[in-house]
Amino acid sequence: MKSYLTKLAAAGVVTLAAAGSAFAGSVTQPGETVGLATGAPLPPGFYFLDTTNWGSRDTPGGKVDVGVTIPVLVWSTPWKPIGARLSFIAATPAVEVGIEKTGPYNAGMYNPFFAGKLTWDLGGGFGFGYTLGTYIGVKPTGPLPTSVDSSSLVQAFSLSYTADGWNLTANLIWGINDRQVSTTINPDFVNLDLTATKKFGKWELGAVGFYSTDVSTPFAGYARQSQFALGGLVGYNFGPVILQSYLTRDVSQQNYGGFDTRFWSRIIIPLGDPFAQPAPSGVMYRK
């Protein structure tokens, strides 16, 4: 049986809560769950996770620089309805964005995210997760918006293989924009985050990638966006804290105006399980 820390390193923490690149259609940031075995059940307890990234996209109007930080609190409960581990997720992302040549810059909070998740252990190292969550609309401010004034329903379908130190994960994210009450109309979108890493002792190395595409046209004249990026990941398990870093670069894009290069870093900290039952005390025998 795997140790607690090995399970934690394999499972990671799922998060779906960050802004996409500036002017991007996807409300969930493409690539934000890369490196996480989102289909593997987490051991019960509370976890803090923060994924921070910064990148630059070359466009005809100048380089668009975007920084994102995604602090997340996850509670993996002891409950297993229909045989799946139940978890709750909350995140409050923040974004900064600027255009180098023309000078506009803005920083602020992004839309908060809340979700529930069910994760099944399928046996043989395989796991499957289903997440249902929502972004809460936040009215944008400043010369460059860091949020959207509309809510979005988000579902994620995750499949992971985590045996023998591997993390082979595909996480498909589907977002539907609420157009009933909003001043910011975003398209519906599909993201696919991909991870193929292997652990060597405390180290983790491997390849990552992500794809995103708009799947609706919210208004006349809107040009649907898509992108595909590849990169590499390195991680280290300090026990219990886990650190990961990965570098990605677009290899194709449509209607983004240029190619994005992005550096990501992540920290995962287990906070313990205050609801855990104490281990039974030993029994003393007398002759």
C-alpha atoms as a PDB file:
ATOM      1  CA  MET A   1       0.000   0.000   0.000  1.00  0.00           C
ATOM      2  CA  LYS A   2       1.283   3.477  -0.834  1.00  0.00           C
ATOM      3  CA  SER A   3       2.253   5.789   1.979  1.00  0.00           C
ATOM      4  CA  TYR A   4       0.176   8.882   2.738  1.00  0.00           C
ATOM      5  CA  LEU A   5       2.725  11.233   1.146  1.00  0.00           C
ATOM      6  CA  THR A   6       3.012   9.103  -1.971  1.00  0.00           C
ATOM      7  CA  LYS A   7      -0.764   9.228  -2.367  1.00  0.00           C
ATOM      8  CA  LEU A   8      -0.710  12.985  -1.899  1.00  0.00           C
ATOM      9  CA  ALA A   9       2.033  13.443  -4.476  1.00  0.00           C
ATOM     10  CA  ALA A  10       0.173  11.232  -6.931  1.00  0.00           C
ATOM     11  CA  ALA A  11      -3.218  12.821  -6.398  1.00  0.00           C
ATOM     12  CA  GLY A  12      -2.211  16.460  -6.156  1.00  0.00           C
ATOM     13  CA  VAL A  13      -5.103  18.883  -5.728  1.00  0.00           C
ATOM     14  CA  VAL A  14      -7.609  19.785  -8.419  1.00  0.00           C
ATOM     15  CA  THR A  15      -8.179  23.454  -9.151  1.00  0.00           C
ATOM     16  CA  LEU A  16     -10.176  25.055 -11.912  1.00  0.00           C
ATOM     17  CA  ALA A  17     -10.060  28.669 -10.920  1.00  0.00           C
ATOM     18  CA  ALA A  18      -7.982  31.168 -12.831  1.00  0.00           C
ATOM     19  CA  ALA A  19      -8.276  33.764 -15.519  1.00  0.00           C
ATOM     20  CA  GLY A  20      -7.301  32.852 -19.021  1.00  0.00           C
ATOM     21  CA  SER A  21      -4.777  34.916 -20.905  1.00  0.00           C
ATOM     22  CA  ALA A  22      -5.841  38.480 -21.641  1.00  0.00           C
ATOM     23  CA  PHE A  23      -8.599  38.577 -24.258  1.00  0.00           C
ATOM     24  CA  ALA A  24      -8.960  34.788 -24.086  1.00  0.00           C
ATOM     25  CA  GLY A  25     -12.306  33.076 -24.410  1.00  0.00           C
ATOM     26  CA  SER A  26     -11.727  30.357 -21.823  1.00  0.00           C
ATOM     27  CA  VAL A  27     -12.744  31.448 -18.318  1.00  0.00           C
ATOM     28  CA  THR A  28     -10.693  28.604 -16.830  1.00  0.00           C
ATOM     29  CA  GLN A  29      -7.019  29.250 -17.532  1.00  0.00           C
ATOM     30  CA  PRO A  30      -5.754  26.710 -20.068  1.00  0.00           C
ATOM     31  CA  GLY A  31      -3.015  24.618 -18.465  1.00  0.00           C
ATOM     32  CA  GLU A  32      -3.804  25.388 -14.831  1.00  0.00           C
ATOM     33  CA  THR A  33      -4.375  21.737 -13.834  1.00  0.00           C
ATOM     34  CA  VAL A  34      -1.279  20.446 -15.651  1.00  0.00           C
ATOM     35  CA  GLY A  35       0.885  18.367 -13.294  1.00  0.00           C
ATOM     36  CA  LEU A  36      -2.017  17.314 -11.048  1.00  0.00           C
ATOM     37  CA  ALA A  37      -3.416  13.789 -11.028  1.00  0.00           C
ATOM     38  CA  THR A  38      -6.960  15.125 -10.990  1.00  0.00           C
ATOM     39  CA  GLY A  39      -8.461  11.663 -11.489  1.00  0.00           C
ATOM     40  CA  ALA A  40      -6.859  10.194  -8.326  1.00  0.00           C
ATOM     41  CA  PRO A  41      -8.701  10.404  -4.971  1.00  0.00           C
ATOM     42  CA  LEU A  42      -7.049  12.577  -2.321  1.00  0.00           C
ATOM     43  CA  PRO A  43      -6.631  11.227   1.213  1.00  0.00           C
ATOM     44  CA  PRO A  44      -9.113  12.920   3.614  1.00  0.00           C
ATOM     45  CA  GLY A  45      -8.017  16.273   4.977  1.00  0.00           C
ATOM     46  CA  PHE A  46      -7.540  19.937   4.106  1.00  0.00           C
ATOM     47  CA  TYR A  47      -5.036  21.130   1.516  1.00  0.00           C
ATOM     48  CA  PHE A  48      -3.738  24.508   0.430  1.00  0.00           C
ATOM     49  CA  LEU A  49      -2.522  24.882  -3.122  1.00  0.00           C
ATOM     50  CA  ASP A  50      -1.234  27.888  -5.033  1.00  0.00           C
ATOM     51  CA  THR A  51      -0.420  27.919  -8.737  1.00  0.00           C
ATOM     52  CA  THR A  52       1.306  31.090  -9.946  1.00  0.00           C
ATOM     53  CA  ASN A  53       2.273  31.764 -13.545  1.00  0.00           C
ATOM     54  CA  TRP A  54       3.569  34.582 -15.694  1.00  0.00           C
ATOM     55  CA  GLY A  55       3.825  34.764 -19.467  1.00  0.00           C
ATOM     56  CA  SER A  56       4.102  36.983 -22.495  1.00  0.00           C
ATOM     57  CA  ARG A  57       2.277  36.779 -25.828  1.00  0.00           C
ATOM     58  CA  ASP A  58       3.784  38.496 -28.883  1.00  0.00           C
ATOM     59  CA  THR A  59       1.052  40.411 -30.731  1.00  0.00           C
ATOM     60  CA  PRO A  60       1.142  43.072 -33.479  1.00  0.00           C
ATOM     61  CA  GLY A  61       0.148  45.690 -30.867  1.00  0.00           C
ATOM     62  CA  GLY A  62       2.987  44.751 -28.514  1.00  0.00           C
ATOM     63  CA  LYS A  63       3.729  42.050 -25.982  1.00  0.00           C
ATOM     64  CA  VAL A  64       0.778  41.205 -23.744  1.00  0.00           C
ATOM     65  CA  ASP A  65       2.085  40.218 -20.297  1.00  0.00           C
ATOM     66  CA  VAL A  66      -0.233  38.299 -17.978  1.00  0.00           C
ATOM     67  CA  GLY A  67       0.437  37.100 -14.427  1.00  0.00           C
ATOM     68  CA  VAL A  68      -1.975  34.884 -12.514  1.00  0.00           C
ATOM     69  CA  THR A  69      -2.025  33.507  -8.983  1.00  0.00           C
ATOM     70  CA  ILE A  70      -4.565  30.884  -7.947  1.00  0.00           C
ATOM     71  CA  PRO A  71      -4.808  30.199  -4.196  1.00  0.00           C
ATOM     72  CA  VAL A  72      -7.079  27.232  -3.513  1.00  0.00           C
ATOM     73  CA  LEU A  73      -8.440  25.528  -0.416  1.00  0.00           C
ATOM     74  CA  VAL A  74      -9.574  21.919  -0.806  1.00  0.00           C
ATOM     75  CA  TRP A  75     -11.400  19.751   1.705  1.00  0.00           C
ATOM     76  CA  SER A  76     -11.233  16.064   0.860  1.00  0.00           C
ATOM     77  CA  THR A  77     -13.990  14.713   3.076  1.00  0.00           C
ATOM     78  CA  PRO A  78     -14.180  11.258   4.666  1.00  0.00           C
ATOM     79  CA  TRP A  79     -17.459  10.653   2.835  1.00  0.00           C
ATOM     80  CA  LYS A  80     -17.743   8.368  -0.175  1.00  0.00           C
ATOM     81  CA  PRO A  81     -21.223   8.630  -1.715  1.00  0.00           C
ATOM     82  CA  ILE A  82     -21.750   6.164  -4.584  1.00  0.00           C
ATOM     83  CA  GLY A  83     -18.236   4.860  -3.894  1.00  0.00           C
ATOM     84  CA  ALA A  84     -16.439   8.117  -4.751  1.00  0.00           C
ATOM     85  CA  ARG A  85     -14.415  10.429  -2.504  1.00  0.00           C
ATOM     86  CA  LEU A  86     -16.305  13.728  -2.045  1.00  0.00           C
ATOM     87  CA  SER A  87     -14.275  16.963  -2.060  1.00  0.00           C
ATOM     88  CA  PHE A  88     -15.077  20.672  -1.912  1.00  0.00           C
ATOM     89  CA  ILE A  89     -12.993  23.371  -3.596  1.00  0.00           C
ATOM     90  CA  ALA A  90     -12.826  27.166  -3.160  1.00  0.00           C
ATOM     91  CA  ALA A  91     -10.493  29.590  -4.933  1.00  0.00           C
ATOM     92  CA  THR A  92      -9.980  33.366  -5.147  1.00  0.00           C
ATOM     93  CA  PRO A  93      -7.647  34.057  -8.092  1.00  0.00           C
ATOM     94  CA  ALA A  94      -5.922  37.354  -8.889  1.00  0.00           C
ATOM     95  CA  VAL A  95      -4.633  38.636 -12.242  1.00  0.00           C
ATOM     96  CA  GLU A  96      -2.301  41.325 -13.569  1.00  0.00           C
ATOM     97  CA  VAL A  97      -2.164  42.266 -17.236  1.00  0.00           C
ATOM     98  CA  GLY A  98      -0.265  44.864 -19.251  1.00  0.00           C
ATOM     99  CA  ILE A  99       0.635  45.757 -22.832  1.00  0.00           C
ATOM    100  CA  GLU A 100       4.280  46.730 -23.208  1.00  0.00           C
ATOM    101  CA  LYS A 101       4.156  49.183 -26.150  1.00  0.00           C
ATOM    102  CA  THR A 102       0.971  51.097 -25.353  1.00  0.00           C
ATOM    103  CA  GLY A 103       1.338  50.980 -21.579  1.00  0.00           C
ATOM    104  CA  PRO A 104      -2.126  50.073 -20.152  1.00  0.00           C
ATOM    105  CA  TYR A 105      -1.841  47.963 -17.026  1.00  0.00           C
ATOM    106  CA  ASN A 106      -4.278  46.594 -14.486  1.00  0.00           C
ATOM    107  CA  ALA A 107      -4.259  44.207 -11.553  1.00  0.00           C
ATOM    108  CA  GLY A 108      -7.173  42.881  -9.546  1.00  0.00           C
ATOM    109  CA  MET A 109      -9.200  39.937  -8.345  1.00  0.00           C
ATOM    110  CA  TYR A 110     -10.634  37.441 -10.768  1.00  0.00           C
ATOM    111  CA  ASN A 111     -13.942  35.606 -10.430  1.00  0.00           C
ATOM    112  CA  PRO A 112     -14.085  33.381  -7.313  1.00  0.00           C
ATOM    113  CA  PHE A 113     -14.692  29.698  -7.927  1.00  0.00           C
ATOM    114  CA  PHE A 114     -16.579  27.090  -5.877  1.00  0.00           C
ATOM    115  CA  ALA A 115     -17.011  23.408  -6.725  1.00  0.00           C
ATOM    116  CA  GLY A 116     -17.736  19.913  -5.540  1.00  0.00           C
ATOM    117  CA  LYS A 117     -15.920  16.846  -6.816  1.00  0.00           C
ATOM    118  CA  LEU A 118     -16.389  13.073  -6.839  1.00  0.00           C
ATOM    119  CA  THR A 119     -13.350  10.851  -7.434  1.00  0.00           C
ATOM    120  CA  TRP A 120     -13.429   7.083  -7.930  1.00  0.00           C
ATOM    121  CA  ASP A 121     -10.556   4.658  -7.345  1.00  0.00           C
ATOM    122  CA  LEU A 122     -11.001   2.257 -10.269  1.00  0.00           C
ATOM    123  CA  GLY A 123      -8.212  -0.087  -9.206  1.00  0.00           C
ATOM    124  CA  GLY A 124      -4.990  -0.988 -10.983  1.00  0.00           C
ATOM    125  CA  GLY A 125      -3.661   2.551 -10.567  1.00  0.00           C
ATOM    126  CA  PHE A 126      -6.566   4.151 -12.451  1.00  0.00           C
ATOM    127  CA  GLY A 127      -8.908   6.832 -11.114  1.00  0.00           C
ATOM    128  CA  PHE A 128     -11.701   8.999 -12.486  1.00  0.00           C
ATOM    129  CA  GLY A 129     -12.929  12.373 -11.238  1.00  0.00           C
ATOM    130  CA  TYR A 130     -15.992  14.491 -11.963  1.00  0.00           C
ATOM    131  CA  THR A 131     -16.096  18.149 -10.883  1.00  0.00           C
ATOM    132  CA  LEU A 132     -19.067  20.513 -10.965  1.00  0.00           C
ATOM    133  CA  GLY A 133     -18.476  24.155 -10.101  1.00  0.00           C
ATOM    134  CA  THR A 134     -19.212  27.766 -10.885  1.00  0.00           C
ATOM    135  CA  TYR A 135     -17.421  31.068 -11.314  1.00  0.00           C
ATOM    136  CA  ILE A 136     -19.192  34.015  -9.677  1.00  0.00           C
ATOM    137  CA  GLY A 137     -19.452  37.113 -11.857  1.00  0.00           C
ATOM    138  CA  VAL A 138     -17.348  40.150 -10.862  1.00  0.00           C
ATOM    139  CA  LYS A 139     -17.752  43.543 -12.537  1.00  0.00           C
ATOM    140  CA  PRO A 140     -14.481  44.427 -14.350  1.00  0.00           C
ATOM    141  CA  THR A 141     -12.604  47.647 -13.585  1.00  0.00           C
ATOM    142  CA  GLY A 142      -9.557  49.464 -14.947  1.00  0.00           C
ATOM    143  CA  PRO A 143      -8.161  49.899 -18.481  1.00  0.00           C
ATOM    144  CA  LEU A 144      -7.710  46.138 -18.931  1.00  0.00           C
ATOM    145  CA  PRO A 145     -10.297  43.842 -17.309  1.00  0.00           C
ATOM    146  CA  THR A 146      -9.147  41.179 -14.845  1.00  0.00           C
ATOM    147  CA  SER A 147     -12.592  39.626 -14.368  1.00  0.00           C
ATOM    148  CA  VAL A 148     -15.840  39.002 -16.240  1.00  0.00           C
ATOM    149  CA  ASP A 149     -19.266  40.233 -15.201  1.00  0.00           C
ATOM    150  CA  SER A 150     -20.974  36.901 -15.740  1.00  0.00           C
ATOM    151  CA  SER A 151     -21.145  33.521 -14.113  1.00  0.00           C
ATOM    152  CA  SER A 152     -20.053  30.264 -15.729  1.00  0.00           C
ATOM    153  CA  LEU A 153     -20.942  26.646 -15.055  1.00  0.00           C
ATOM    154  CA  VAL A 154     -17.852  24.422 -15.255  1.00  0.00           C
ATOM    155  CA  GLN A 155     -17.613  20.630 -15.438  1.00  0.00           C
ATOM    156  CA  ALA A 156     -14.409  18.589 -15.508  1.00  0.00           C
ATOM    157  CA  PHE A 157     -13.850  14.937 -16.405  1.00  0.00           C
ATOM    158  CA  SER A 158     -10.484  13.539 -15.276  1.00  0.00           C
ATOM    159  CA  LEU A 159      -8.781  10.205 -15.931  1.00  0.00           C
ATOM    160  CA  SER A 160      -5.484   9.377 -14.185  1.00  0.00           C
ATOM    161  CA  TYR A 161      -3.024   6.496 -13.991  1.00  0.00           C
ATOM    162  CA  THR A 162      -0.757   6.817 -10.946  1.00  0.00           C
ATOM    163  CA  ALA A 163       0.818   3.389 -10.382  1.00  0.00           C
ATOM    164  CA  ASP A 164       4.614   2.895 -10.130  1.00  0.00           C
ATOM    165  CA  GLY A 165       5.305   6.603  -9.766  1.00  0.00           C
ATOM    166  CA  TRP A 166       3.610   7.600 -13.000  1.00  0.00           C
ATOM    167  CA  ASN A 167       1.179  10.458 -13.432  1.00  0.00           C
ATOM    168  CA  LEU A 168      -0.608  10.020 -16.752  1.00  0.00           C
ATOM    169  CA  THR A 169      -3.599  12.363 -16.637  1.00  0.00           C
ATOM    170  CA  ALA A 170      -6.081  13.871 -19.068  1.00  0.00           C
ATOM    171  CA  ASN A 171      -8.399  16.539 -17.623  1.00  0.00           C
ATOM    172  CA  LEU A 172     -11.222  17.719 -19.899  1.00  0.00           C
ATOM    173  CA  ILE A 173     -12.867  20.977 -18.765  1.00  0.00           C
ATOM    174  CA  TRP A 174     -16.148  22.231 -20.246  1.00  0.00           C
ATOM    175  CA  GLY A 175     -17.400  25.721 -19.422  1.00  0.00           C
ATOM    176  CA  ILE A 176     -20.818  27.222 -20.183  1.00  0.00           C
ATOM    177  CA  ASN A 177     -21.289  30.981 -19.866  1.00  0.00           C
ATOM    178  CA  ASP A 178     -24.462  32.331 -18.224  1.00  0.00           C
ATOM    179  CA  ARG A 179     -25.891  34.856 -20.670  1.00  0.00           C
ATOM    180  CA  GLN A 180     -29.062  35.679 -18.742  1.00  0.00           C
ATOM    181  CA  VAL A 181     -27.684  38.490 -16.551  1.00  0.00           C
ATOM    182  CA  SER A 182     -24.262  39.782 -17.571  1.00  0.00           C
ATOM    183  CA  THR A 183     -22.449  42.675 -19.196  1.00  0.00           C
ATOM    184  CA  THR A 184     -19.497  40.537 -20.287  1.00  0.00           C
ATOM    185  CA  ILE A 185     -20.335  37.791 -22.758  1.00  0.00           C
ATOM    186  CA  ASN A 186     -17.754  35.033 -22.987  1.00  0.00           C
ATOM    187  CA  PRO A 187     -17.986  32.022 -25.272  1.00  0.00           C
ATOM    188  CA  ASP A 188     -18.476  28.488 -24.063  1.00  0.00           C
ATOM    189  CA  PHE A 189     -15.158  26.651 -24.059  1.00  0.00           C
ATOM    190  CA  VAL A 190     -13.397  23.301 -23.822  1.00  0.00           C
ATOM    191  CA  ASN A 191      -9.918  22.852 -22.314  1.00  0.00           C
ATOM    192  CA  LEU A 192      -7.804  19.705 -22.240  1.00  0.00           C
ATOM    193  CA  ASP A 193      -4.853  19.592 -19.790  1.00  0.00           C
ATOM    194  CA  LEU A 194      -2.369  16.736 -20.286  1.00  0.00           C
ATOM    195  CA  THR A 195       0.336  15.345 -17.969  1.00  0.00           C
ATOM    196  CA  ALA A 196       2.871  12.538 -18.466  1.00  0.00           C
ATOM    197  CA  THR A 197       5.413  12.507 -15.621  1.00  0.00           C
ATOM    198  CA  LYS A 198       7.412   9.935 -13.657  1.00  0.00           C
ATOM    199  CA  LYS A 199       8.764  10.083 -10.105  1.00  0.00           C
ATOM    200  CA  PHE A 200      12.390   9.199  -9.379  1.00  0.00           C
ATOM    201  CA  GLY A 201      12.638   9.164  -5.599  1.00  0.00           C
ATOM    202  CA  LYS A 202      11.584  12.626  -4.463  1.00  0.00           C
ATOM    203  CA  TRP A 203      11.964  14.083  -7.982  1.00  0.00           C
ATOM    204  CA  GLU A 204       9.280  14.249 -10.673  1.00  0.00           C
ATOM    205  CA  LEU A 205      10.056  14.799 -14.372  1.00  0.00           C
ATOM    206  CA  GLY A 206       8.015  14.698 -17.545  1.00  0.00           C
ATOM    207  CA  ALA A 207       6.118  16.340 -20.372  1.00  0.00           C
ATOM    208  CA  VAL A 208       2.973  18.447 -20.203  1.00  0.00           C
ATOM    209  CA  GLY A 209       0.624  20.113 -22.644  1.00  0.00           C
ATOM    210  CA  PHE A 210      -2.731  21.796 -22.969  1.00  0.00           C
ATOM    211  CA  TYR A 211      -5.326  22.638 -25.595  1.00  0.00           C
ATOM    212  CA  SER A 212      -8.201  25.109 -25.438  1.00  0.00           C
ATOM    213  CA  THR A 213     -10.896  26.135 -27.883  1.00  0.00           C
ATOM    214  CA  ASP A 214     -14.061  28.218 -27.966  1.00  0.00           C
ATOM    215  CA  VAL A 215     -17.157  26.191 -28.811  1.00  0.00           C
ATOM    216  CA  SER A 216     -19.704  29.003 -29.254  1.00  0.00           C
ATOM    217  CA  THR A 217     -19.953  32.431 -30.896  1.00  0.00           C
ATOM    218  CA  PRO A 218     -21.361  34.830 -28.279  1.00  0.00           C
ATOM    219  CA  PHE A 219     -21.932  37.748 -30.680  1.00  0.00           C
ATOM    220  CA  ALA A 220     -21.751  38.540 -34.381  1.00  0.00           C
ATOM    221  CA  GLY A 221     -18.228  39.009 -35.639  1.00  0.00           C
ATOM    222  CA  TYR A 222     -16.567  37.174 -32.749  1.00  0.00           C
ATOM    223  CA  ALA A 223     -13.503  35.209 -33.899  1.00  0.00           C
ATOM    224  CA  ARG A 224     -13.262  31.914 -32.054  1.00  0.00           C
ATOM    225  CA  GLN A 225      -9.921  31.303 -30.330  1.00  0.00           C
ATOM    226  CA  SER A 226      -7.895  28.133 -29.877  1.00  0.00           C
ATOM    227  CA  GLN A 227      -4.366  27.224 -28.809  1.00  0.00           C
ATOM    228  CA  PHE A 228      -2.134  24.225 -28.197  1.00  0.00           C
ATOM    229  CA  ALA A 229       0.956  24.383 -25.966  1.00  0.00           C
ATOM    230  CA  LEU A 230       3.667  21.922 -24.947  1.00  0.00           C
ATOM    231  CA  GLY A 231       6.322  21.965 -22.259  1.00  0.00           C
ATOM    232  CA  GLY A 232       8.189  20.161 -19.508  1.00  0.00           C
ATOM    233  CA  LEU A 233       7.694  19.804 -15.748  1.00  0.00           C
ATOM    234  CA  VAL A 234      10.023  19.264 -12.796  1.00  0.00           C
ATOM    235  CA  GLY A 235       8.836  18.673  -9.228  1.00  0.00           C
ATOM    236  CA  TYR A 236      10.245  17.818  -5.810  1.00  0.00           C
ATOM    237  CA  ASN A 237       8.544  16.275  -2.787  1.00  0.00           C
ATOM    238  CA  PHE A 238       9.965  17.815   0.400  1.00  0.00           C
ATOM    239  CA  GLY A 239       7.562  15.768   2.522  1.00  0.00           C
ATOM    240  CA  PRO A 240       4.950  16.953   3.149  1.00  0.00           C
ATOM    241  CA  VAL A 241       5.303  20.102   0.966  1.00  0.00           C
ATOM    242  CA  ILE A 242       5.398  19.488  -2.795  1.00  0.00           C
ATOM    243  CA  LEU A 243       6.824  21.988  -5.308  1.00  0.00           C
ATOM    244  CA  GLN A 244       6.340  21.888  -9.082  1.00  0.00           C
ATOM    245  CA  SER A 245       7.476  24.101 -11.957  1.00  0.00           C
ATOM    246  CA  TYR A 246       6.753  23.865 -15.661  1.00  0.00           C
ATOM    247  CA  LEU A 247       7.457  25.900 -18.784  1.00  0.00           C
ATOM    248  CA  THR A 248       5.044  25.946 -21.735  1.00  0.00           C
ATOM    249  CA  ARG A 249       5.075  27.461 -25.209  1.00  0.00           C
ATOM    250  CA  ASP A 250       2.293  27.662 -27.794  1.00  0.00           C
ATOM    251  CA  VAL A 251       2.978  25.534 -30.848  1.00  0.00           C
ATOM    252  CA  SER A 252      -0.235  26.642 -32.552  1.00  0.00           C
ATOM    253  CA  GLN A 253      -2.835  29.339 -31.983  1.00  0.00           C
ATOM    254  CA  GLN A 254      -5.807  30.893 -33.727  1.00  0.00           C
ATOM    255  CA  ASN A 255      -7.089  34.462 -33.192  1.00  0.00           C
ATOM    256  CA  TYR A 256      -4.924  35.156 -30.120  1.00  0.00           C
ATOM    257  CA  GLY A 257      -2.678  37.471 -32.126  1.00  0.00           C
ATOM    258  CA  GLY A 258       0.541  35.655 -31.216  1.00  0.00           C
ATOM    259  CA  PHE A 259       2.266  32.825 -29.377  1.00  0.00           C
ATOM    260  CA  ASP A 260       2.415  32.652 -25.580  1.00  0.00           C
ATOM    261  CA  THR A 261       5.417  31.539 -23.493  1.00  0.00           C
ATOM    262  CA  ARG A 262       4.599  30.894 -19.832  1.00  0.00           C
ATOM    263  CA  PHE A 263       6.402  29.834 -16.647  1.00  0.00           C
ATOM    264  CA  TRP A 264       4.374  28.137 -13.906  1.00  0.00           C
ATOM    265  CA  SER A 265       5.140  27.297 -10.280  1.00  0.00           C
ATOM    266  CA  ARG A 266       3.011  25.437  -7.746  1.00  0.00           C
ATOM    267  CA  ILE A 267       3.114  24.629  -4.045  1.00  0.00           C
ATOM    268  CA  ILE A 268       0.933  21.985  -2.380  1.00  0.00           C
ATOM    269  CA  ILE A 269       0.679  21.995   1.428  1.00  0.00           C
ATOM    270  CA  PRO A 270      -1.362  19.425   3.391  1.00  0.00           C
ATOM    271  CA  LEU A 271      -3.040  21.116   6.366  1.00  0.00           C
ATOM    272  CA  GLY A 272      -4.074  17.954   8.193  1.00  0.00           C
ATOM    273  CA  ASP A 273      -7.407  16.389   9.007  1.00  0.00           C
ATOM    274  CA  PRO A 274      -9.024  17.764  12.184  1.00  0.00           C
ATOM    275  CA  PHE A 275     -11.874  15.270  11.821  1.00  0.00           C
ATOM    276  CA  ALA A 276      -9.673  12.171  11.746  1.00  0.00           C
ATOM    277  CA  GLN A 277     -10.413   9.581  14.385  1.00  0.00           C
ATOM    278  CA  PRO A 278      -7.506   8.938  16.770  1.00  0.00           C
ATOM    279  CA  ALA A 279      -5.789   5.597  16.378  1.00  0.00           C
ATOM    280  CA  PRO A 280      -6.922   3.052  18.970  1.00  0.00           C
ATOM    281  CA  SER A 281      -4.522   2.639  21.868  1.00  0.00           C
ATOM    282  CA  GLY A 282      -2.643  -0.621  22.205  1.00  0.00           C
ATOM    283  CA  VAL A 283      -3.902  -3.376  24.475  1.00  0.00           C
ATOM    284  CA  MET A 284      -1.671  -4.475  27.324  1.00  0.00           C
ATOM    285  CA  TYR A 285      -1.575  -8.140  28.218  1.00  0.00           C
ATOM    286  CA  ARG A 286      -0.499  -9.610  31.536  1.00  0.00           C
ATOM    287  CA  LYS A 287       0.696 -13.122  32.084  1.00  0.00           C
END
